[in-house]
Amino acid sequence: MHAPQRTRRVDAELYVDVLQFYARQMPLLEERRLEEFLETMTEDGSIEHVPNGWRIEGRSALLTEMRARRGDPEKPLVGEVSARAARAQDVAYYDGIVYRYWFDRMRIEPQPHSDDMLKVSYQAMVSMTDASGKVSFEPTTTVEDVLVRQDGEWFTRSRRVTHDSPHWADKIHNPS
């Protein structure tokens, strides 16, 4: 029997630095400040949803997709629609919704031969609140990010979101 392989420990300063990165990054997405959110990613950054999802690469393509799906919290609810249907029908999935990202169990792994690259994995949940105060949740996920440091700042090079349910993209969000 082999002992589990230990990753290099991170010091408290690096851990807090990474937490602060996410504390800056994710409110930009929640507030739909999409261009600013994408500035926290590398130019060739990617976001992938698995299983049975999609992968989008590059700030320009990500901005196009996000503008189409992120919606406006001041608009009426788009209705009962799944993420997959919203993409097929080209509708904003999050109209009428305030959403928040919740992260836990963050594991930071420095990469061999580079002090400027990290693999960060964590569990995530997305809460969605409509104008009446009704709260619903997206299926839970495990997220794996690759962060790179450029000119002293962290950027997301890639984000892989693994949904706990293979049918996540067919879930009706915010059902009545």
C-alpha atoms as a PDB file:
ATOM      1  CA  MET A   1       0.000   0.000   0.000  1.00  0.00           C
ATOM      2  CA  HIS A   2       1.361   3.390  -0.991  1.00  0.00           C
ATOM      3  CA  ALA A   3       1.089   6.455   1.157  1.00  0.00           C
ATOM      4  CA  PRO A   4      -0.796   9.321  -0.498  1.00  0.00           C
ATOM      5  CA  GLN A   5       1.482  11.708  -2.333  1.00  0.00           C
ATOM      6  CA  ARG A   6       1.857  14.937  -0.410  1.00  0.00           C
ATOM      7  CA  THR A   7       1.783  18.204  -2.226  1.00  0.00           C
ATOM      8  CA  ARG A   8       4.129  20.995  -1.326  1.00  0.00           C
ATOM      9  CA  ARG A   9       2.651  23.011   1.527  1.00  0.00           C
ATOM     10  CA  VAL A  10       1.777  26.612   0.883  1.00  0.00           C
ATOM     11  CA  ASP A  11       2.524  29.276   3.427  1.00  0.00           C
ATOM     12  CA  ALA A  12      -0.151  31.482   4.952  1.00  0.00           C
ATOM     13  CA  GLU A  13       0.856  34.468   2.817  1.00  0.00           C
ATOM     14  CA  LEU A  14       0.313  32.585  -0.457  1.00  0.00           C
ATOM     15  CA  TYR A  15      -2.962  31.078   0.808  1.00  0.00           C
ATOM     16  CA  VAL A  16      -4.326  34.509   1.723  1.00  0.00           C
ATOM     17  CA  ASP A  17      -3.066  35.949  -1.565  1.00  0.00           C
ATOM     18  CA  VAL A  18      -5.071  33.331  -3.489  1.00  0.00           C
ATOM     19  CA  LEU A  19      -8.170  33.894  -1.327  1.00  0.00           C
ATOM     20  CA  GLN A  20      -7.909  37.628  -1.999  1.00  0.00           C
ATOM     21  CA  PHE A  21      -7.627  36.946  -5.734  1.00  0.00           C
ATOM     22  CA  TYR A  22     -10.974  35.101  -5.687  1.00  0.00           C
ATOM     23  CA  ALA A  23     -12.479  37.743  -3.388  1.00  0.00           C
ATOM     24  CA  ARG A  24     -11.666  40.300  -6.124  1.00  0.00           C
ATOM     25  CA  GLN A  25     -12.522  38.100  -9.110  1.00  0.00           C
ATOM     26  CA  MET A  26     -15.888  36.562  -8.295  1.00  0.00           C
ATOM     27  CA  PRO A  27     -17.813  39.707  -7.261  1.00  0.00           C
ATOM     28  CA  LEU A  28     -16.984  41.086 -10.714  1.00  0.00           C
ATOM     29  CA  LEU A  29     -18.898  38.162 -12.234  1.00  0.00           C
ATOM     30  CA  GLU A  30     -21.727  38.441  -9.698  1.00  0.00           C
ATOM     31  CA  GLU A  31     -22.050  42.161 -10.493  1.00  0.00           C
ATOM     32  CA  ARG A  32     -21.943  41.349 -14.223  1.00  0.00           C
ATOM     33  CA  ARG A  33     -18.824  43.458 -14.737  1.00  0.00           C
ATOM     34  CA  LEU A  34     -17.819  40.984 -17.404  1.00  0.00           C
ATOM     35  CA  GLU A  35     -14.951  42.849 -19.054  1.00  0.00           C
ATOM     36  CA  GLU A  36     -13.328  43.402 -15.648  1.00  0.00           C
ATOM     37  CA  PHE A  37     -13.922  39.765 -14.676  1.00  0.00           C
ATOM     38  CA  LEU A  38     -12.243  38.615 -17.886  1.00  0.00           C
ATOM     39  CA  GLU A  39      -9.258  40.864 -17.173  1.00  0.00           C
ATOM     40  CA  THR A  40      -8.572  38.462 -14.253  1.00  0.00           C
ATOM     41  CA  MET A  41      -8.036  35.700 -16.816  1.00  0.00           C
ATOM     42  CA  THR A  42      -5.167  35.275 -19.243  1.00  0.00           C
ATOM     43  CA  GLU A  43      -5.872  36.382 -22.820  1.00  0.00           C
ATOM     44  CA  ASP A  44      -6.147  32.718 -23.862  1.00  0.00           C
ATOM     45  CA  GLY A  45      -7.984  31.686 -20.686  1.00  0.00           C
ATOM     46  CA  SER A  46     -10.660  29.012 -20.842  1.00  0.00           C
ATOM     47  CA  ILE A  47     -13.737  27.886 -18.933  1.00  0.00           C
ATOM     48  CA  GLU A  48     -14.994  24.341 -19.335  1.00  0.00           C
ATOM     49  CA  HIS A  49     -18.128  22.692 -17.907  1.00  0.00           C
ATOM     50  CA  VAL A  50     -18.159  18.895 -17.648  1.00  0.00           C
ATOM     51  CA  PRO A  51     -19.725  16.427 -18.042  1.00  0.00           C
ATOM     52  CA  ASN A  52     -21.908  17.053 -21.075  1.00  0.00           C
ATOM     53  CA  GLY A  53     -21.117  20.736 -21.222  1.00  0.00           C
ATOM     54  CA  TRP A  54     -18.938  23.050 -23.240  1.00  0.00           C
ATOM     55  CA  ARG A  55     -15.487  24.661 -23.336  1.00  0.00           C
ATOM     56  CA  ILE A  56     -14.902  28.256 -24.356  1.00  0.00           C
ATOM     57  CA  GLU A  57     -11.432  29.693 -24.891  1.00  0.00           C
ATOM     58  CA  GLY A  58     -10.151  33.244 -25.073  1.00  0.00           C
ATOM     59  CA  ARG A  59     -11.410  36.466 -23.539  1.00  0.00           C
ATOM     60  CA  SER A  60     -13.310  37.516 -26.658  1.00  0.00           C
ATOM     61  CA  ALA A  61     -15.269  34.258 -26.987  1.00  0.00           C
ATOM     62  CA  LEU A  62     -15.910  34.178 -23.243  1.00  0.00           C
ATOM     63  CA  LEU A  63     -17.222  37.758 -23.306  1.00  0.00           C
ATOM     64  CA  THR A  64     -19.625  36.933 -26.144  1.00  0.00           C
ATOM     65  CA  GLU A  65     -20.976  33.894 -24.277  1.00  0.00           C
ATOM     66  CA  MET A  66     -21.200  35.679 -20.930  1.00  0.00           C
ATOM     67  CA  ARG A  67     -23.019  38.680 -22.367  1.00  0.00           C
ATOM     68  CA  ALA A  68     -25.572  36.313 -23.890  1.00  0.00           C
ATOM     69  CA  ARG A  69     -26.187  34.308 -20.689  1.00  0.00           C
ATOM     70  CA  ARG A  70     -25.519  36.516 -17.655  1.00  0.00           C
ATOM     71  CA  GLY A  71     -28.607  38.673 -18.076  1.00  0.00           C
ATOM     72  CA  ASP A  72     -29.798  41.607 -16.018  1.00  0.00           C
ATOM     73  CA  PRO A  73     -31.046  41.274 -12.422  1.00  0.00           C
ATOM     74  CA  GLU A  74     -33.453  44.183 -13.021  1.00  0.00           C
ATOM     75  CA  LYS A  75     -35.258  42.428 -15.882  1.00  0.00           C
ATOM     76  CA  PRO A  76     -38.109  39.992 -15.293  1.00  0.00           C
ATOM     77  CA  LEU A  77     -37.253  36.332 -14.835  1.00  0.00           C
ATOM     78  CA  VAL A  78     -36.588  34.651 -18.146  1.00  0.00           C
ATOM     79  CA  GLY A  79     -38.877  31.833 -17.051  1.00  0.00           C
ATOM     80  CA  GLU A  80     -38.152  28.246 -16.222  1.00  0.00           C
ATOM     81  CA  VAL A  81     -35.262  27.366 -18.481  1.00  0.00           C
ATOM     82  CA  SER A  82     -32.206  25.145 -18.214  1.00  0.00           C
ATOM     83  CA  ALA A  83     -28.660  26.200 -19.079  1.00  0.00           C
ATOM     84  CA  ARG A  84     -28.711  23.938 -22.158  1.00  0.00           C
ATOM     85  CA  ALA A  85     -32.065  25.330 -23.354  1.00  0.00           C
ATOM     86  CA  ALA A  86     -30.892  28.905 -22.751  1.00  0.00           C
ATOM     87  CA  ARG A  87     -27.892  28.290 -25.014  1.00  0.00           C
ATOM     88  CA  ALA A  88     -30.067  26.623 -27.682  1.00  0.00           C
ATOM     89  CA  GLN A  89     -32.685  29.407 -27.545  1.00  0.00           C
ATOM     90  CA  ASP A  90     -30.049  32.155 -27.155  1.00  0.00           C
ATOM     91  CA  VAL A  91     -31.669  33.657 -24.057  1.00  0.00           C
ATOM     92  CA  ALA A  92     -30.124  35.187 -20.951  1.00  0.00           C
ATOM     93  CA  TYR A  93     -30.211  32.455 -18.339  1.00  0.00           C
ATOM     94  CA  TYR A  94     -29.828  34.803 -15.373  1.00  0.00           C
ATOM     95  CA  ASP A  95     -32.321  37.606 -16.138  1.00  0.00           C
ATOM     96  CA  GLY A  96     -34.141  38.580 -12.960  1.00  0.00           C
ATOM     97  CA  ILE A  97     -31.629  36.751 -10.766  1.00  0.00           C
ATOM     98  CA  VAL A  98     -28.940  37.853  -8.339  1.00  0.00           C
ATOM     99  CA  TYR A  99     -26.387  35.067  -8.127  1.00  0.00           C
ATOM    100  CA  ARG A 100     -23.568  34.412  -5.683  1.00  0.00           C
ATOM    101  CA  TYR A 101     -20.662  31.983  -5.817  1.00  0.00           C
ATOM    102  CA  TRP A 102     -19.717  30.107  -2.643  1.00  0.00           C
ATOM    103  CA  PHE A 103     -16.340  28.347  -2.392  1.00  0.00           C
ATOM    104  CA  ASP A 104     -15.069  25.902   0.234  1.00  0.00           C
ATOM    105  CA  ARG A 105     -12.300  23.335   0.805  1.00  0.00           C
ATOM    106  CA  MET A 106      -9.741  25.228  -1.215  1.00  0.00           C
ATOM    107  CA  ARG A 107      -6.618  23.232  -1.996  1.00  0.00           C
ATOM    108  CA  ILE A 108      -3.670  25.126  -3.436  1.00  0.00           C
ATOM    109  CA  GLU A 109      -0.923  23.141  -5.124  1.00  0.00           C
ATOM    110  CA  PRO A 110       2.238  24.905  -6.276  1.00  0.00           C
ATOM    111  CA  GLN A 111       3.404  23.414  -9.553  1.00  0.00           C
ATOM    112  CA  PRO A 112       6.832  21.832  -9.859  1.00  0.00           C
ATOM    113  CA  HIS A 113       9.509  24.009 -11.394  1.00  0.00           C
ATOM    114  CA  SER A 114       7.435  27.204 -11.205  1.00  0.00           C
ATOM    115  CA  ASP A 115       6.674  29.614  -8.395  1.00  0.00           C
ATOM    116  CA  ASP A 116       4.342  31.436 -10.784  1.00  0.00           C
ATOM    117  CA  MET A 117       1.813  28.648 -11.427  1.00  0.00           C
ATOM    118  CA  LEU A 118      -0.722  27.082  -9.075  1.00  0.00           C
ATOM    119  CA  LYS A 119      -3.383  24.435  -9.361  1.00  0.00           C
ATOM    120  CA  VAL A 120      -6.299  25.449  -7.155  1.00  0.00           C
ATOM    121  CA  SER A 121      -9.250  23.145  -6.565  1.00  0.00           C
ATOM    122  CA  TYR A 122     -12.342  23.779  -4.482  1.00  0.00           C
ATOM    123  CA  GLN A 123     -15.995  22.900  -4.077  1.00  0.00           C
ATOM    124  CA  ALA A 124     -18.452  25.518  -5.295  1.00  0.00           C
ATOM    125  CA  MET A 125     -22.116  26.268  -5.098  1.00  0.00           C
ATOM    126  CA  VAL A 126     -24.127  28.984  -6.835  1.00  0.00           C
ATOM    127  CA  SER A 127     -27.125  30.524  -5.110  1.00  0.00           C
ATOM    128  CA  MET A 128     -29.724  32.415  -7.134  1.00  0.00           C
ATOM    129  CA  THR A 129     -32.178  34.883  -5.597  1.00  0.00           C
ATOM    130  CA  ASP A 130     -35.112  36.325  -7.528  1.00  0.00           C
ATOM    131  CA  ALA A 131     -36.845  39.665  -6.885  1.00  0.00           C
ATOM    132  CA  SER A 132     -39.354  38.040  -4.506  1.00  0.00           C
ATOM    133  CA  GLY A 133     -36.495  36.714  -2.355  1.00  0.00           C
ATOM    134  CA  LYS A 134     -36.855  33.090  -3.427  1.00  0.00           C
ATOM    135  CA  VAL A 135     -33.506  31.307  -3.343  1.00  0.00           C
ATOM    136  CA  SER A 136     -32.519  28.276  -5.401  1.00  0.00           C
ATOM    137  CA  PHE A 137     -29.201  26.587  -6.042  1.00  0.00           C
ATOM    138  CA  GLU A 138     -27.310  25.255  -9.019  1.00  0.00           C
ATOM    139  CA  PRO A 139     -26.012  21.687  -8.642  1.00  0.00           C
ATOM    140  CA  THR A 140     -22.775  21.580  -6.640  1.00  0.00           C
ATOM    141  CA  THR A 141     -19.438  21.398  -8.420  1.00  0.00           C
ATOM    142  CA  THR A 142     -15.740  20.784  -8.059  1.00  0.00           C
ATOM    143  CA  VAL A 143     -13.664  23.478  -9.725  1.00  0.00           C
ATOM    144  CA  GLU A 144     -10.052  23.139 -10.850  1.00  0.00           C
ATOM    145  CA  ASP A 145      -8.276  26.349 -11.763  1.00  0.00           C
ATOM    146  CA  VAL A 146      -4.795  26.917 -13.069  1.00  0.00           C
ATOM    147  CA  LEU A 147      -3.553  30.295 -11.874  1.00  0.00           C
ATOM    148  CA  VAL A 148      -0.479  31.996 -13.281  1.00  0.00           C
ATOM    149  CA  ARG A 149       1.333  34.991 -11.853  1.00  0.00           C
ATOM    150  CA  GLN A 150       2.236  37.714 -14.332  1.00  0.00           C
ATOM    151  CA  ASP A 151       3.882  40.941 -13.208  1.00  0.00           C
ATOM    152  CA  GLY A 152       3.079  40.072  -9.591  1.00  0.00           C
ATOM    153  CA  GLU A 153      -0.668  39.489 -10.174  1.00  0.00           C
ATOM    154  CA  TRP A 154      -2.601  36.208 -10.363  1.00  0.00           C
ATOM    155  CA  PHE A 155      -4.671  35.349 -13.446  1.00  0.00           C
ATOM    156  CA  THR A 156      -6.847  32.341 -14.249  1.00  0.00           C
ATOM    157  CA  ARG A 157      -5.427  30.422 -17.205  1.00  0.00           C
ATOM    158  CA  SER A 158      -8.080  27.715 -17.118  1.00  0.00           C
ATOM    159  CA  ARG A 159     -11.172  26.810 -15.114  1.00  0.00           C
ATOM    160  CA  ARG A 160     -12.689  23.330 -15.284  1.00  0.00           C
ATOM    161  CA  VAL A 161     -16.067  23.038 -13.559  1.00  0.00           C
ATOM    162  CA  THR A 162     -17.078  19.431 -12.896  1.00  0.00           C
ATOM    163  CA  HIS A 163     -20.743  19.226 -11.980  1.00  0.00           C
ATOM    164  CA  ASP A 164     -21.833  16.611  -9.446  1.00  0.00           C
ATOM    165  CA  SER A 165     -24.785  15.661 -11.638  1.00  0.00           C
ATOM    166  CA  PRO A 166     -24.323  14.586 -15.257  1.00  0.00           C
ATOM    167  CA  HIS A 167     -27.679  16.271 -15.973  1.00  0.00           C
ATOM    168  CA  TRP A 168     -26.702  19.642 -14.506  1.00  0.00           C
ATOM    169  CA  ALA A 169     -27.236  21.553 -17.759  1.00  0.00           C
ATOM    170  CA  ASP A 170     -30.829  20.298 -17.984  1.00  0.00           C
ATOM    171  CA  LYS A 171     -31.846  21.466 -14.494  1.00  0.00           C
ATOM    172  CA  ILE A 172     -34.514  24.179 -14.518  1.00  0.00           C
ATOM    173  CA  HIS A 173     -33.072  27.082 -12.606  1.00  0.00           C
ATOM    174  CA  ASN A 174     -35.176  28.903 -10.064  1.00  0.00           C
ATOM    175  CA  PRO A 175     -38.252  26.681 -10.554  1.00  0.00           C
ATOM    176  CA  SER A 176     -41.582  28.026  -9.329  1.00  0.00           C
END
